[in-house]
Amino acid sequence: MNRFSTAKTLAAAAVAFGALAATSAAHARSDVHFSIGLSAPIGYAAPVYVQPQPVYVQPQPVYVQPAPVYLQPRAVYYEGHRHGHRRGPWGDADRDGVPNRYDHAPHNPYRR
């Protein structure tokens, strides 16, 4: 049993020496490499929006016929015939407020 433990110890020493030798060989290089890794973002990138070109369209002309306009005829007022009304010296034929006997122009309503 003693022989088995010696082989076991010898094997452990060989593995330790090999690990030490491998480590020394890795550090014996003259160049040094330094790296920082950044991971890509998770998910999708923001969509790119492109505004469409404006479209100019001339509207169609609109023709509207105006509504008909109906007007009632205006009333026409005029003085009737003056034949025989207020004749004589006591009347006022031209209605200017001056009796005919004192009126110098009995048939002219604009003269006073």
Protein backbone atom coordinates (compact mmCIF):
# COMPACT_ATOMS: atom_id res chain seq x y z
CA MET A 1 0.00 0.00 0.00
CA ASN A 2 2.90 2.17 0.48
CA ARG A 3 3.84 1.74 -3.08
CA PHE A 4 0.41 3.00 -4.28
CA SER A 5 0.62 6.20 -2.23
CA THR A 6 4.09 6.92 -3.58
CA ALA A 7 2.78 6.66 -7.14
CA LYS A 8 -0.13 8.84 -6.23
CA THR A 9 2.12 11.47 -4.73
CA LEU A 10 4.43 11.26 -7.69
CA ALA A 11 1.52 11.74 -10.12
CA ALA A 12 0.24 14.75 -8.16
CA ALA A 13 3.70 16.28 -8.18
CA ALA A 14 3.94 15.75 -11.96
CA VAL A 15 0.59 17.47 -12.57
CA ALA A 16 1.60 20.38 -10.35
CA PHE A 17 4.92 20.74 -12.14
CA GLY A 18 3.21 20.60 -15.55
CA ALA A 19 0.74 23.29 -14.52
CA LEU A 20 3.56 25.48 -13.26
CA ALA A 21 5.51 24.96 -16.48
CA ALA A 22 2.47 25.77 -18.63
CA THR A 23 1.82 28.92 -16.65
CA SER A 24 5.41 30.05 -16.97
CA ALA A 25 5.37 29.44 -20.71
CA ALA A 26 2.21 31.50 -21.11
CA HIS A 27 3.75 34.48 -19.33
CA ALA A 28 7.03 34.29 -21.21
CA ARG A 29 5.66 36.17 -24.24
CA SER A 30 6.70 39.74 -24.99
CA ASP A 31 3.44 41.08 -26.49
CA VAL A 32 0.46 41.97 -24.33
CA HIS A 33 -3.11 41.88 -25.61
CA PHE A 34 -5.82 43.90 -23.81
CA SER A 35 -9.49 43.64 -24.89
CA ILE A 36 -12.77 45.10 -23.70
CA GLY A 37 -15.84 43.45 -25.12
CA LEU A 38 -19.15 45.26 -25.49
CA SER A 39 -22.20 43.23 -26.21
CA ALA A 40 -24.73 44.20 -28.85
CA PRO A 41 -27.96 45.74 -27.55
CA ILE A 42 -30.78 43.34 -27.00
CA GLY A 43 -33.82 43.90 -29.21
CA TYR A 44 -34.35 45.75 -32.47
CA ALA A 45 -32.93 49.07 -33.56
CA ALA A 46 -35.25 52.07 -33.74
CA PRO A 47 -37.08 52.25 -37.09
CA VAL A 48 -35.99 54.90 -39.54
CA TYR A 49 -38.87 57.19 -40.56
CA VAL A 50 -38.74 58.94 -43.90
CA GLN A 51 -41.36 61.62 -44.42
CA PRO A 52 -43.13 61.22 -47.79
CA GLN A 53 -42.95 63.95 -50.39
CA PRO A 54 -45.87 66.42 -50.28
CA VAL A 55 -48.52 65.96 -52.93
CA TYR A 56 -50.14 69.07 -54.35
CA VAL A 57 -53.51 68.55 -56.02
CA GLN A 58 -55.55 71.40 -57.43
CA PRO A 59 -59.17 71.04 -56.31
CA GLN A 60 -61.86 70.73 -58.92
CA PRO A 61 -63.80 73.92 -59.59
CA VAL A 62 -67.24 74.13 -58.04
CA TYR A 63 -69.96 75.82 -60.03
CA VAL A 64 -73.01 76.92 -58.08
CA GLN A 65 -76.00 78.49 -59.75
CA PRO A 66 -77.28 81.38 -57.66
CA ALA A 67 -80.73 81.04 -56.19
CA PRO A 68 -83.43 83.00 -58.01
CA VAL A 69 -84.47 86.23 -56.35
CA TYR A 70 -88.13 87.17 -56.44
CA LEU A 71 -89.05 90.75 -55.65
CA GLN A 72 -92.53 92.00 -55.12
CA PRO A 73 -93.27 95.02 -57.27
CA ARG A 74 -93.18 98.25 -55.32
CA ALA A 75 -96.37 100.16 -54.78
CA VAL A 76 -96.60 103.41 -56.70
CA TYR A 77 -98.45 106.24 -55.02
CA TYR A 78 -99.34 109.38 -56.91
CA GLU A 79 -101.83 112.06 -56.49
CA GLY A 80 -104.93 111.68 -58.51
CA HIS A 81 -106.46 114.13 -60.89
CA ARG A 82 -106.78 117.69 -59.68
CA HIS A 83 -109.61 118.59 -61.92
CA GLY A 84 -112.31 120.17 -59.89
CA HIS A 85 -110.81 119.58 -56.50
CA ARG A 86 -110.71 122.65 -54.31
CA ARG A 87 -111.36 125.02 -57.05
CA GLY A 88 -112.49 128.48 -56.45
CA PRO A 89 -111.22 131.20 -54.17
CA TRP A 90 -111.72 129.17 -50.99
CA GLY A 91 -109.76 126.03 -51.94
CA ASP A 92 -106.06 125.28 -52.16
CA ALA A 93 -105.40 123.64 -55.55
CA ASP A 94 -101.66 123.14 -55.20
CA ARG A 95 -101.80 122.25 -51.48
CA ASP A 96 -99.08 124.65 -50.50
CA GLY A 97 -101.08 126.00 -47.57
CA VAL A 98 -102.02 129.31 -49.23
CA PRO A 99 -105.69 129.71 -50.25
CA ASN A 100 -106.23 130.18 -53.96
CA ARG A 101 -107.49 133.77 -53.56
CA TYR A 102 -104.15 134.81 -51.96
CA ASP A 103 -101.89 132.54 -54.04
CA HIS A 104 -100.04 134.30 -56.88
CA ALA A 105 -99.31 130.95 -58.61
CA PRO A 106 -102.27 128.71 -57.73
CA HIS A 107 -101.05 125.70 -59.72
CA ASN A 108 -97.35 125.73 -58.67
CA PRO A 109 -96.87 123.68 -55.46
CA TYR A 110 -93.17 124.71 -55.14
CA ARG A 111 -93.78 128.42 -54.96
CA ARG A 112 -94.54 130.00 -51.59
